[in-house]
Amino acid sequence: MRSTVIVAASLFTGVLGHGGAHEQKPIVPDDANWMTKHMAEEHHMTGFDASSFFTLHDFNGNNRLEADELLRTYGLMDESNAHVPLSQRDEYQRQLLDLLDRNSDGWVSRDEFTTFIANGGVLPDLGTGPGHHGDDEYEYEIHHWEKYHDENTKLEDLTHPEDIAHFKKHDEMEDAEERLAKLDSMPIVQENIPAKFRRSG
């Protein structure tokens, strides 16, 4: 609960720091393509071009989309897709590179991507959801906080199952950090010594 108050306070600050405005996800038609739905749900954007889409998903900023960045764009690094087997991830990676990587060098350049889009291409819907690719804080804020809370929300109002799970995770992380700090301060950690080498009695 200690960190719950700190995290809740930071969310209040984050909302106020953005002018207190609730930027809900834009409404897009049901038949919109996956890219349009992804940008609306994950980035709250409707107006974007190929270059801005590329820049947003070039997570390491090296001016190319590598295989892991393509998978992350589709949410395949998110816990919501933990059930997707490695063989299926490999298949998605192959499918996306076959579609986008025109010179077969193993990554997608900005030029390859923008040319693909300019020629009428769109990223396919792989059935992996909207493409959650932010960290836990970002995903909680954009998919829950902005939908149900605002700058007037009090700590006692954070009672949704998503709120409880989110702050429970923070408490668990804090507890784990405290356990690790305690172990780090011990000169010898008995549990790390194999039983056959421990003194009995």
N, C-alpha and C. Protein backbone atom coordinates (compact mmCIF):
# COMPACT_ATOMS: atom_id res chain seq x y z
N MET A 1 0.83 -1.20 0.00
CA MET A 1 0.00 0.00 0.00
C MET A 1 0.86 1.26 0.00
N ARG A 2 2.11 1.12 0.50
CA ARG A 2 2.99 2.29 0.52
C ARG A 2 3.16 2.86 -0.87
N SER A 3 3.48 1.98 -1.81
CA SER A 3 3.72 2.46 -3.17
C SER A 3 2.42 2.85 -3.86
N THR A 4 1.30 2.32 -3.40
CA THR A 4 0.01 2.65 -4.00
C THR A 4 -0.23 4.14 -3.94
N VAL A 5 0.06 4.73 -2.78
CA VAL A 5 -0.15 6.17 -2.61
C VAL A 5 0.78 6.94 -3.54
N ILE A 6 2.04 6.51 -3.64
CA ILE A 6 3.01 7.19 -4.49
C ILE A 6 2.60 7.08 -5.95
N VAL A 7 2.22 5.87 -6.38
CA VAL A 7 1.83 5.67 -7.77
C VAL A 7 0.57 6.46 -8.09
N ALA A 8 -0.42 6.42 -7.18
CA ALA A 8 -1.65 7.18 -7.41
C ALA A 8 -1.34 8.66 -7.53
N ALA A 9 -0.45 9.16 -6.67
CA ALA A 9 -0.07 10.57 -6.74
C ALA A 9 0.60 10.90 -8.05
N SER A 10 1.44 9.98 -8.55
CA SER A 10 2.11 10.26 -9.82
C SER A 10 1.12 10.26 -10.97
N LEU A 11 0.09 9.42 -10.89
CA LEU A 11 -0.94 9.44 -11.93
C LEU A 11 -1.72 10.74 -11.90
N PHE A 12 -2.04 11.23 -10.69
CA PHE A 12 -2.73 12.52 -10.58
C PHE A 12 -1.87 13.60 -11.23
N THR A 13 -0.56 13.60 -10.91
CA THR A 13 0.36 14.58 -11.45
C THR A 13 0.43 14.46 -12.97
N GLY A 14 0.49 13.22 -13.48
CA GLY A 14 0.54 13.00 -14.92
C GLY A 14 -0.67 13.56 -15.62
N VAL A 15 -1.84 13.36 -15.03
CA VAL A 15 -3.07 13.87 -15.64
C VAL A 15 -3.05 15.39 -15.60
N LEU A 16 -2.68 15.98 -14.46
CA LEU A 16 -2.65 17.43 -14.35
C LEU A 16 -1.58 18.01 -15.26
N GLY A 17 -0.46 17.28 -15.41
CA GLY A 17 0.62 17.74 -16.27
C GLY A 17 0.22 17.78 -17.74
N HIS A 18 -0.83 17.07 -18.08
CA HIS A 18 -1.33 17.09 -19.46
C HIS A 18 -2.55 18.00 -19.56
N GLY A 19 -2.64 18.95 -18.65
CA GLY A 19 -3.71 19.93 -18.71
C GLY A 19 -5.02 19.41 -18.14
N GLY A 20 -5.00 18.23 -17.53
CA GLY A 20 -6.20 17.68 -16.95
C GLY A 20 -7.18 17.16 -17.98
N ALA A 21 -6.82 17.23 -19.23
CA ALA A 21 -7.73 16.80 -20.29
C ALA A 21 -7.77 15.29 -20.37
N HIS A 22 -8.95 14.79 -20.61
CA HIS A 22 -9.14 13.36 -20.79
C HIS A 22 -9.09 13.07 -22.27
N GLU A 23 -7.97 12.60 -22.75
CA GLU A 23 -7.87 12.30 -24.17
C GLU A 23 -8.29 10.85 -24.39
N GLN A 24 -9.58 10.66 -24.57
CA GLN A 24 -10.11 9.32 -24.82
C GLN A 24 -9.66 8.85 -26.18
N LYS A 25 -9.64 7.54 -26.34
CA LYS A 25 -9.24 7.02 -27.65
C LYS A 25 -10.27 7.47 -28.69
N PRO A 26 -9.78 7.84 -29.85
CA PRO A 26 -10.69 8.25 -30.92
C PRO A 26 -11.57 7.08 -31.36
N ILE A 27 -12.74 7.41 -31.83
CA ILE A 27 -13.65 6.38 -32.34
C ILE A 27 -13.32 6.16 -33.81
N VAL A 28 -13.08 4.90 -34.15
CA VAL A 28 -12.80 4.55 -35.54
C VAL A 28 -13.84 3.53 -35.99
N PRO A 29 -14.12 3.47 -37.27
CA PRO A 29 -15.11 2.51 -37.77
C PRO A 29 -14.70 1.07 -37.48
N ASP A 30 -15.68 0.20 -37.29
CA ASP A 30 -15.40 -1.21 -37.03
C ASP A 30 -14.59 -1.85 -38.14
N ASP A 31 -14.78 -1.38 -39.36
CA ASP A 31 -14.08 -1.98 -40.49
C ASP A 31 -12.73 -1.31 -40.79
N ALA A 32 -12.26 -0.46 -39.87
CA ALA A 32 -10.96 0.19 -40.07
C ALA A 32 -9.85 -0.86 -40.07
N ASN A 33 -8.75 -0.56 -40.75
CA ASN A 33 -7.64 -1.52 -40.78
C ASN A 33 -6.92 -1.56 -39.43
N TRP A 34 -6.07 -2.56 -39.25
CA TRP A 34 -5.41 -2.77 -37.96
C TRP A 34 -4.56 -1.57 -37.56
N MET A 35 -3.86 -0.97 -38.50
CA MET A 35 -3.01 0.18 -38.17
C MET A 35 -3.83 1.33 -37.60
N THR A 36 -4.97 1.61 -38.20
CA THR A 36 -5.83 2.70 -37.75
C THR A 36 -6.37 2.40 -36.36
N LYS A 37 -6.81 1.16 -36.14
CA LYS A 37 -7.30 0.77 -34.81
C LYS A 37 -6.18 0.84 -33.77
N HIS A 38 -4.99 0.37 -34.16
CA HIS A 38 -3.85 0.39 -33.24
C HIS A 38 -3.52 1.83 -32.84
N MET A 39 -3.44 2.72 -33.81
CA MET A 39 -3.08 4.11 -33.51
C MET A 39 -4.14 4.78 -32.63
N ALA A 40 -5.41 4.45 -32.85
CA ALA A 40 -6.48 5.02 -32.03
C ALA A 40 -6.42 4.47 -30.61
N GLU A 41 -6.30 3.17 -30.47
CA GLU A 41 -6.36 2.54 -29.15
C GLU A 41 -5.08 2.74 -28.35
N GLU A 42 -3.94 2.57 -28.99
CA GLU A 42 -2.66 2.61 -28.27
C GLU A 42 -2.02 3.99 -28.18
N HIS A 43 -2.34 4.86 -29.13
CA HIS A 43 -1.69 6.17 -29.16
C HIS A 43 -2.68 7.34 -29.16
N HIS A 44 -3.99 7.02 -29.19
CA HIS A 44 -5.04 8.05 -29.21
C HIS A 44 -4.85 9.02 -30.37
N MET A 45 -4.50 8.46 -31.52
CA MET A 45 -4.27 9.28 -32.71
C MET A 45 -5.11 8.77 -33.88
N THR A 46 -5.65 9.70 -34.65
CA THR A 46 -6.31 9.31 -35.89
C THR A 46 -5.54 9.85 -37.09
N GLY A 47 -4.93 11.00 -36.95
CA GLY A 47 -4.16 11.58 -38.04
C GLY A 47 -2.70 11.18 -37.94
N PHE A 48 -2.26 10.31 -38.80
CA PHE A 48 -0.86 9.90 -38.80
C PHE A 48 -0.47 9.55 -40.23
N ASP A 49 0.82 9.59 -40.48
CA ASP A 49 1.31 9.16 -41.78
C ASP A 49 2.30 8.02 -41.58
N ALA A 50 2.80 7.48 -42.67
CA ALA A 50 3.69 6.32 -42.59
C ALA A 50 4.95 6.63 -41.79
N SER A 51 5.49 7.82 -41.98
CA SER A 51 6.72 8.18 -41.28
C SER A 51 6.51 8.31 -39.77
N SER A 52 5.39 8.90 -39.37
CA SER A 52 5.13 9.02 -37.92
C SER A 52 4.86 7.65 -37.31
N PHE A 53 4.15 6.78 -38.03
CA PHE A 53 3.93 5.42 -37.53
C PHE A 53 5.27 4.72 -37.35
N PHE A 54 6.14 4.86 -38.33
CA PHE A 54 7.47 4.25 -38.27
C PHE A 54 8.24 4.77 -37.05
N THR A 55 8.27 6.08 -36.88
CA THR A 55 9.02 6.68 -35.77
C THR A 55 8.50 6.22 -34.42
N LEU A 56 7.19 6.15 -34.26
CA LEU A 56 6.61 5.70 -32.99
C LEU A 56 6.98 4.26 -32.64
N HIS A 57 7.24 3.45 -33.66
CA HIS A 57 7.49 2.03 -33.42
C HIS A 57 8.95 1.63 -33.62
N ASP A 58 9.79 2.61 -33.89
CA ASP A 58 11.23 2.40 -33.91
C ASP A 58 11.70 2.61 -32.47
N PHE A 59 11.44 1.63 -31.63
CA PHE A 59 11.58 1.79 -30.18
C PHE A 59 13.01 2.11 -29.74
N ASN A 60 14.00 1.61 -30.46
CA ASN A 60 15.38 1.90 -30.05
C ASN A 60 15.97 3.08 -30.81
N GLY A 61 15.19 3.70 -31.70
CA GLY A 61 15.60 4.92 -32.37
C GLY A 61 16.75 4.77 -33.36
N ASN A 62 16.94 3.57 -33.93
CA ASN A 62 18.05 3.40 -34.86
C ASN A 62 17.63 3.54 -36.33
N ASN A 63 16.44 4.08 -36.55
CA ASN A 63 15.92 4.39 -37.88
C ASN A 63 15.67 3.14 -38.73
N ARG A 64 15.33 2.05 -38.06
CA ARG A 64 14.89 0.85 -38.77
C ARG A 64 14.00 0.04 -37.84
N LEU A 65 13.07 -0.69 -38.43
CA LEU A 65 12.22 -1.58 -37.64
C LEU A 65 12.82 -2.97 -37.70
N GLU A 66 13.31 -3.43 -36.56
CA GLU A 66 13.89 -4.76 -36.48
C GLU A 66 12.79 -5.74 -36.11
N ALA A 67 13.08 -7.02 -36.25
CA ALA A 67 12.07 -8.06 -36.04
C ALA A 67 11.41 -7.94 -34.67
N ASP A 68 12.21 -7.71 -33.62
CA ASP A 68 11.63 -7.63 -32.28
C ASP A 68 10.74 -6.39 -32.14
N GLU A 69 11.04 -5.32 -32.86
CA GLU A 69 10.20 -4.13 -32.81
C GLU A 69 8.87 -4.37 -33.53
N LEU A 70 8.91 -5.12 -34.60
CA LEU A 70 7.66 -5.47 -35.28
C LEU A 70 6.78 -6.31 -34.36
N LEU A 71 7.39 -7.28 -33.68
CA LEU A 71 6.61 -8.12 -32.75
C LEU A 71 6.09 -7.29 -31.59
N ARG A 72 6.90 -6.38 -31.10
CA ARG A 72 6.45 -5.51 -29.99
C ARG A 72 5.30 -4.62 -30.44
N THR A 73 5.37 -4.11 -31.68
CA THR A 73 4.29 -3.27 -32.21
C THR A 73 2.97 -4.02 -32.16
N TYR A 74 3.02 -5.30 -32.41
CA TYR A 74 1.82 -6.14 -32.38
C TYR A 74 1.47 -6.64 -30.98
N GLY A 75 2.19 -6.18 -29.97
CA GLY A 75 1.87 -6.57 -28.60
C GLY A 75 2.37 -7.94 -28.22
N LEU A 76 3.28 -8.51 -29.00
CA LEU A 76 3.74 -9.86 -28.71
C LEU A 76 4.79 -9.93 -27.61
N MET A 77 5.20 -8.78 -27.08
CA MET A 77 6.09 -8.75 -25.92
C MET A 77 5.29 -8.46 -24.65
N ASP A 78 3.99 -8.25 -24.81
CA ASP A 78 3.12 -7.91 -23.68
C ASP A 78 2.58 -9.18 -23.05
N GLU A 79 2.34 -9.14 -21.73
CA GLU A 79 1.85 -10.33 -21.02
C GLU A 79 0.49 -10.79 -21.53
N SER A 80 -0.26 -9.90 -22.18
CA SER A 80 -1.57 -10.30 -22.72
C SER A 80 -1.42 -11.31 -23.86
N ASN A 81 -0.22 -11.41 -24.42
CA ASN A 81 0.04 -12.37 -25.49
C ASN A 81 1.07 -13.43 -25.08
N ALA A 82 1.22 -13.63 -23.77
CA ALA A 82 2.18 -14.63 -23.28
C ALA A 82 1.83 -16.04 -23.75
N HIS A 83 0.57 -16.27 -24.08
CA HIS A 83 0.11 -17.59 -24.51
C HIS A 83 0.52 -17.92 -25.95
N VAL A 84 0.98 -16.93 -26.71
CA VAL A 84 1.35 -17.16 -28.11
C VAL A 84 2.68 -17.90 -28.14
N PRO A 85 2.70 -19.12 -28.71
CA PRO A 85 3.94 -19.91 -28.70
C PRO A 85 5.04 -19.28 -29.56
N LEU A 86 6.26 -19.61 -29.23
CA LEU A 86 7.41 -19.08 -29.94
C LEU A 86 7.33 -19.39 -31.44
N SER A 87 6.86 -20.58 -31.79
CA SER A 87 6.75 -20.95 -33.20
C SER A 87 5.80 -20.00 -33.94
N GLN A 88 4.72 -19.58 -33.28
CA GLN A 88 3.78 -18.65 -33.90
C GLN A 88 4.38 -17.25 -34.02
N ARG A 89 5.14 -16.84 -33.01
CA ARG A 89 5.83 -15.54 -33.07
C ARG A 89 6.81 -15.52 -34.24
N ASP A 90 7.54 -16.65 -34.39
CA ASP A 90 8.48 -16.76 -35.51
C ASP A 90 7.75 -16.65 -36.85
N GLU A 91 6.56 -17.26 -36.93
CA GLU A 91 5.77 -17.19 -38.15
C GLU A 91 5.30 -15.76 -38.42
N TYR A 92 4.86 -15.05 -37.37
CA TYR A 92 4.45 -13.65 -37.53
C TYR A 92 5.64 -12.81 -38.01
N GLN A 93 6.79 -13.04 -37.41
CA GLN A 93 7.99 -12.30 -37.79
C GLN A 93 8.31 -12.54 -39.26
N ARG A 94 8.29 -13.79 -39.71
CA ARG A 94 8.56 -14.13 -41.10
C ARG A 94 7.55 -13.44 -42.02
N GLN A 95 6.27 -13.51 -41.63
CA GLN A 95 5.20 -12.92 -42.43
C GLN A 95 5.40 -11.41 -42.59
N LEU A 96 5.73 -10.73 -41.50
CA LEU A 96 5.91 -9.28 -41.55
C LEU A 96 7.15 -8.88 -42.34
N LEU A 97 8.24 -9.60 -42.14
CA LEU A 97 9.45 -9.29 -42.91
C LEU A 97 9.25 -9.58 -44.39
N ASP A 98 8.55 -10.67 -44.72
CA ASP A 98 8.25 -10.96 -46.14
C ASP A 98 7.45 -9.82 -46.77
N LEU A 99 6.58 -9.23 -45.99
CA LEU A 99 5.71 -8.15 -46.48
C LEU A 99 6.46 -6.83 -46.64
N LEU A 100 7.36 -6.54 -45.70
CA LEU A 100 7.95 -5.20 -45.61
C LEU A 100 9.41 -5.09 -46.03
N ASP A 101 10.18 -6.13 -45.80
CA ASP A 101 11.63 -6.09 -46.00
C ASP A 101 11.97 -6.42 -47.45
N ARG A 102 11.91 -5.42 -48.32
CA ARG A 102 12.06 -5.64 -49.76
C ARG A 102 13.45 -6.14 -50.15
N ASN A 103 14.50 -5.73 -49.44
CA ASN A 103 15.85 -6.16 -49.83
C ASN A 103 16.36 -7.35 -49.00
N SER A 104 15.49 -7.91 -48.16
CA SER A 104 15.81 -9.13 -47.39
C SER A 104 17.07 -9.01 -46.53
N ASP A 105 17.25 -7.84 -45.92
CA ASP A 105 18.41 -7.68 -45.03
C ASP A 105 18.08 -7.96 -43.57
N GLY A 106 16.82 -8.34 -43.30
CA GLY A 106 16.44 -8.72 -41.93
C GLY A 106 15.83 -7.61 -41.11
N TRP A 107 15.66 -6.43 -41.68
CA TRP A 107 15.02 -5.32 -40.98
C TRP A 107 14.34 -4.42 -42.01
N VAL A 108 13.50 -3.51 -41.51
CA VAL A 108 12.71 -2.65 -42.39
C VAL A 108 13.20 -1.22 -42.26
N SER A 109 13.65 -0.65 -43.37
CA SER A 109 14.11 0.74 -43.35
C SER A 109 12.89 1.67 -43.41
N ARG A 110 13.11 2.91 -43.08
CA ARG A 110 12.04 3.91 -43.19
C ARG A 110 11.54 3.99 -44.63
N ASP A 111 12.48 3.95 -45.59
CA ASP A 111 12.10 4.02 -46.99
C ASP A 111 11.24 2.82 -47.40
N GLU A 112 11.64 1.62 -46.95
CA GLU A 112 10.84 0.43 -47.27
C GLU A 112 9.43 0.56 -46.72
N PHE A 113 9.33 1.04 -45.47
CA PHE A 113 8.03 1.15 -44.83
C PHE A 113 7.15 2.20 -45.50
N THR A 114 7.72 3.39 -45.73
CA THR A 114 6.91 4.46 -46.33
C THR A 114 6.52 4.12 -47.77
N THR A 115 7.39 3.43 -48.51
CA THR A 115 7.05 2.99 -49.87
C THR A 115 5.92 1.97 -49.83
N PHE A 116 5.98 1.04 -48.88
CA PHE A 116 4.93 0.03 -48.72
C PHE A 116 3.57 0.72 -48.50
N ILE A 117 3.54 1.70 -47.60
CA ILE A 117 2.29 2.41 -47.30
C ILE A 117 1.86 3.26 -48.51
N ALA A 118 2.81 3.95 -49.15
CA ALA A 118 2.49 4.79 -50.31
C ALA A 118 1.89 3.97 -51.45
N ASN A 119 2.27 2.70 -51.53
CA ASN A 119 1.74 1.81 -52.56
C ASN A 119 0.43 1.14 -52.15
N GLY A 120 -0.18 1.65 -51.07
CA GLY A 120 -1.48 1.14 -50.65
C GLY A 120 -1.43 0.01 -49.64
N GLY A 121 -0.24 -0.31 -49.14
CA GLY A 121 -0.10 -1.39 -48.16
C GLY A 121 -0.56 -0.96 -46.78
N VAL A 122 -1.04 -1.93 -46.01
CA VAL A 122 -1.37 -1.72 -44.60
C VAL A 122 -0.87 -2.95 -43.84
N LEU A 123 -0.52 -2.73 -42.59
CA LEU A 123 -0.10 -3.87 -41.77
C LEU A 123 -1.31 -4.75 -41.50
N PRO A 124 -1.14 -6.06 -41.59
CA PRO A 124 -2.28 -6.96 -41.42
C PRO A 124 -2.68 -7.11 -39.96
N ASP A 125 -3.91 -7.52 -39.74
CA ASP A 125 -4.38 -7.88 -38.40
C ASP A 125 -3.97 -9.32 -38.16
N LEU A 126 -3.05 -9.53 -37.23
CA LEU A 126 -2.56 -10.89 -36.94
C LEU A 126 -3.41 -11.59 -35.88
N GLY A 127 -4.43 -10.90 -35.38
CA GLY A 127 -5.27 -11.50 -34.35
C GLY A 127 -4.65 -11.48 -32.97
N THR A 128 -3.69 -10.58 -32.74
CA THR A 128 -3.00 -10.50 -31.45
C THR A 128 -3.50 -9.34 -30.60
N GLY A 129 -4.60 -8.74 -30.99
CA GLY A 129 -5.15 -7.62 -30.23
C GLY A 129 -4.67 -6.30 -30.79
N PRO A 130 -4.88 -5.23 -30.02
CA PRO A 130 -4.58 -3.88 -30.51
C PRO A 130 -3.09 -3.55 -30.56
N GLY A 131 -2.26 -4.38 -29.97
CA GLY A 131 -0.82 -4.10 -30.00
C GLY A 131 -0.34 -3.36 -28.77
N HIS A 132 -0.60 -3.93 -27.58
CA HIS A 132 -0.11 -3.32 -26.35
C HIS A 132 1.42 -3.40 -26.34
N HIS A 133 2.08 -2.25 -26.35
CA HIS A 133 3.54 -2.30 -26.35
C HIS A 133 4.19 -1.32 -25.39
N GLY A 134 3.40 -0.73 -24.52
CA GLY A 134 3.96 0.16 -23.51
C GLY A 134 4.30 -0.61 -22.24
N ASP A 135 4.92 0.08 -21.29
CA ASP A 135 5.17 -0.58 -20.01
C ASP A 135 3.87 -0.62 -19.21
N ASP A 136 3.90 -1.26 -18.04
CA ASP A 136 2.69 -1.43 -17.24
C ASP A 136 2.01 -0.10 -16.91
N GLU A 137 2.82 0.91 -16.59
CA GLU A 137 2.25 2.21 -16.23
C GLU A 137 1.51 2.83 -17.41
N TYR A 138 2.14 2.80 -18.56
CA TYR A 138 1.52 3.37 -19.76
C TYR A 138 0.23 2.64 -20.10
N GLU A 139 0.28 1.32 -20.08
CA GLU A 139 -0.90 0.54 -20.44
C GLU A 139 -2.04 0.78 -19.45
N TYR A 140 -1.73 0.85 -18.16
CA TYR A 140 -2.75 1.11 -17.14
C TYR A 140 -3.36 2.50 -17.36
N GLU A 141 -2.48 3.48 -17.59
CA GLU A 141 -2.98 4.85 -17.75
C GLU A 141 -3.85 4.99 -19.01
N ILE A 142 -3.37 4.46 -20.12
CA ILE A 142 -4.08 4.70 -21.38
C ILE A 142 -5.34 3.83 -21.51
N HIS A 143 -5.33 2.64 -20.93
CA HIS A 143 -6.48 1.75 -21.11
C HIS A 143 -7.44 1.72 -19.92
N HIS A 144 -7.02 2.22 -18.78
CA HIS A 144 -7.94 2.21 -17.64
C HIS A 144 -8.10 3.60 -17.03
N TRP A 145 -6.98 4.19 -16.59
CA TRP A 145 -7.06 5.47 -15.88
C TRP A 145 -7.80 6.52 -16.71
N GLU A 146 -7.42 6.70 -17.96
CA GLU A 146 -8.04 7.73 -18.79
C GLU A 146 -9.51 7.44 -19.06
N LYS A 147 -9.88 6.19 -18.99
CA LYS A 147 -11.27 5.82 -19.28
C LYS A 147 -12.19 6.02 -18.06
N TYR A 148 -11.67 5.72 -16.87
CA TYR A 148 -12.53 5.71 -15.68
C TYR A 148 -12.17 6.74 -14.61
N HIS A 149 -11.01 7.37 -14.69
CA HIS A 149 -10.56 8.29 -13.64
C HIS A 149 -10.16 9.62 -14.25
N ASP A 150 -9.95 10.60 -13.38
CA ASP A 150 -9.45 11.89 -13.82
C ASP A 150 -8.74 12.56 -12.66
N GLU A 151 -8.43 13.85 -12.83
CA GLU A 151 -7.67 14.56 -11.80
C GLU A 151 -8.44 14.71 -10.49
N ASN A 152 -9.75 14.46 -10.49
CA ASN A 152 -10.56 14.56 -9.28
C ASN A 152 -10.69 13.23 -8.53
N THR A 153 -10.11 12.17 -9.07
CA THR A 153 -10.21 10.85 -8.45
C THR A 153 -9.43 10.84 -7.14
N LYS A 154 -10.07 10.30 -6.11
CA LYS A 154 -9.43 10.15 -4.80
C LYS A 154 -8.91 8.73 -4.67
N LEU A 155 -7.96 8.54 -3.79
CA LEU A 155 -7.37 7.22 -3.57
C LEU A 155 -8.45 6.19 -3.25
N GLU A 156 -9.44 6.57 -2.46
CA GLU A 156 -10.51 5.62 -2.08
C GLU A 156 -11.42 5.26 -3.26
N ASP A 157 -11.32 6.02 -4.37
CA ASP A 157 -12.12 5.72 -5.56
C ASP A 157 -11.48 4.66 -6.45
N LEU A 158 -10.25 4.30 -6.16
CA LEU A 158 -9.52 3.34 -7.00
C LEU A 158 -9.87 1.91 -6.59
N THR A 159 -11.10 1.53 -6.91
CA THR A 159 -11.62 0.23 -6.45
C THR A 159 -11.92 -0.75 -7.58
N HIS A 160 -11.70 -0.36 -8.82
CA HIS A 160 -11.94 -1.28 -9.92
C HIS A 160 -10.95 -2.46 -9.83
N PRO A 161 -11.32 -3.60 -10.33
CA PRO A 161 -10.38 -4.75 -10.31
C PRO A 161 -9.04 -4.39 -10.96
N GLU A 162 -9.06 -3.58 -12.02
CA GLU A 162 -7.82 -3.18 -12.68
C GLU A 162 -6.95 -2.31 -11.76
N ASP A 163 -7.60 -1.44 -10.97
CA ASP A 163 -6.86 -0.61 -10.01
C ASP A 163 -6.21 -1.49 -8.96
N ILE A 164 -6.99 -2.40 -8.42
CA ILE A 164 -6.50 -3.27 -7.35
C ILE A 164 -5.34 -4.12 -7.85
N ALA A 165 -5.48 -4.71 -9.03
CA ALA A 165 -4.41 -5.54 -9.59
C ALA A 165 -3.16 -4.70 -9.86
N HIS A 166 -3.35 -3.50 -10.37
CA HIS A 166 -2.23 -2.63 -10.70
C HIS A 166 -1.43 -2.28 -9.44
N PHE A 167 -2.13 -1.85 -8.41
CA PHE A 167 -1.43 -1.44 -7.19
C PHE A 167 -0.91 -2.63 -6.40
N LYS A 168 -1.57 -3.78 -6.52
CA LYS A 168 -1.05 -5.00 -5.90
C LYS A 168 0.29 -5.36 -6.52
N LYS A 169 0.39 -5.20 -7.82
CA LYS A 169 1.65 -5.49 -8.51
C LYS A 169 2.76 -4.57 -8.01
N HIS A 170 2.43 -3.29 -7.79
CA HIS A 170 3.41 -2.35 -7.24
C HIS A 170 3.86 -2.80 -5.85
N ASP A 171 2.91 -3.21 -5.02
CA ASP A 171 3.25 -3.67 -3.67
C ASP A 171 4.14 -4.90 -3.72
N GLU A 172 3.84 -5.84 -4.63
CA GLU A 172 4.65 -7.05 -4.77
C GLU A 172 6.07 -6.71 -5.23
N MET A 173 6.18 -5.76 -6.14
CA MET A 173 7.50 -5.34 -6.60
C MET A 173 8.30 -4.69 -5.47
N GLU A 174 7.62 -3.88 -4.68
CA GLU A 174 8.30 -3.23 -3.56
C GLU A 174 8.74 -4.26 -2.52
N ASP A 175 7.87 -5.24 -2.23
CA ASP A 175 8.24 -6.30 -1.29
C ASP A 175 9.44 -7.09 -1.79
N ALA A 176 9.47 -7.40 -3.09
CA ALA A 176 10.59 -8.14 -3.66
C ALA A 176 11.88 -7.33 -3.56
N GLU A 177 11.80 -6.02 -3.79
CA GLU A 177 12.98 -5.17 -3.67
C GLU A 177 13.49 -5.15 -2.23
N GLU A 178 12.57 -5.11 -1.26
CA GLU A 178 12.98 -5.12 0.15
C GLU A 178 13.63 -6.45 0.52
N ARG A 179 13.07 -7.57 0.01
CA ARG A 179 13.69 -8.88 0.29
C ARG A 179 15.10 -8.96 -0.30
N LEU A 180 15.26 -8.47 -1.51
CA LEU A 180 16.56 -8.49 -2.16
C LEU A 180 17.55 -7.61 -1.40
N ALA A 181 17.11 -6.44 -0.96
CA ALA A 181 17.99 -5.54 -0.20
C ALA A 181 18.42 -6.21 1.10
N LYS A 182 17.51 -6.94 1.73
CA LYS A 182 17.84 -7.65 2.98
C LYS A 182 18.87 -8.74 2.70
N LEU A 183 18.68 -9.49 1.61
CA LEU A 183 19.64 -10.55 1.26
C LEU A 183 21.00 -9.95 0.91
N ASP A 184 20.99 -8.82 0.20
CA ASP A 184 22.25 -8.17 -0.17
C ASP A 184 23.03 -7.69 1.04
N SER A 185 22.33 -7.39 2.13
CA SER A 185 23.02 -6.89 3.33
C SER A 185 23.58 -8.03 4.18
N MET A 186 23.21 -9.27 3.88
CA MET A 186 23.69 -10.42 4.66
C MET A 186 25.05 -10.86 4.12
N PRO A 187 26.04 -11.11 5.02
CA PRO A 187 27.34 -11.57 4.55
C PRO A 187 27.27 -12.97 3.92
N ILE A 188 26.43 -13.83 4.48
CA ILE A 188 26.25 -15.19 3.96
C ILE A 188 24.75 -15.47 3.94
N VAL A 189 24.28 -15.96 2.80
CA VAL A 189 22.87 -16.32 2.68
C VAL A 189 22.79 -17.84 2.79
N GLN A 190 22.33 -18.31 3.95
CA GLN A 190 22.31 -19.75 4.24
C GLN A 190 21.57 -20.55 3.17
N GLU A 191 20.48 -19.99 2.64
CA GLU A 191 19.68 -20.71 1.67
C GLU A 191 20.43 -20.98 0.37
N ASN A 192 21.50 -20.22 0.12
CA ASN A 192 22.28 -20.41 -1.10
C ASN A 192 23.35 -21.50 -0.95
N ILE A 193 23.57 -21.97 0.27
CA ILE A 193 24.56 -23.02 0.50
C ILE A 193 23.88 -24.38 0.34
N PRO A 194 24.41 -25.25 -0.54
CA PRO A 194 23.80 -26.58 -0.69
C PRO A 194 23.72 -27.29 0.66
N ALA A 195 22.64 -28.00 0.87
CA ALA A 195 22.37 -28.66 2.16
C ALA A 195 23.51 -29.54 2.62
N LYS A 196 24.18 -30.24 1.71
CA LYS A 196 25.25 -31.17 2.13
C LYS A 196 26.46 -30.44 2.70
N PHE A 197 26.57 -29.12 2.46
CA PHE A 197 27.70 -28.36 3.00
C PHE A 197 27.33 -27.53 4.24
N ARG A 198 26.07 -27.56 4.63
CA ARG A 198 25.66 -26.79 5.80
C ARG A 198 25.98 -27.55 7.08
N ARG A 199 26.30 -26.79 8.10
CA ARG A 199 26.49 -27.37 9.44
C ARG A 199 25.13 -27.63 10.04
N SER A 200 24.97 -28.75 10.62
CA SER A 200 23.68 -29.03 11.29
C SER A 200 23.85 -28.73 12.77
N GLY A 201 22.78 -28.25 13.37
CA GLY A 201 22.78 -28.01 14.79
C GLY A 201 23.24 -26.74 15.16
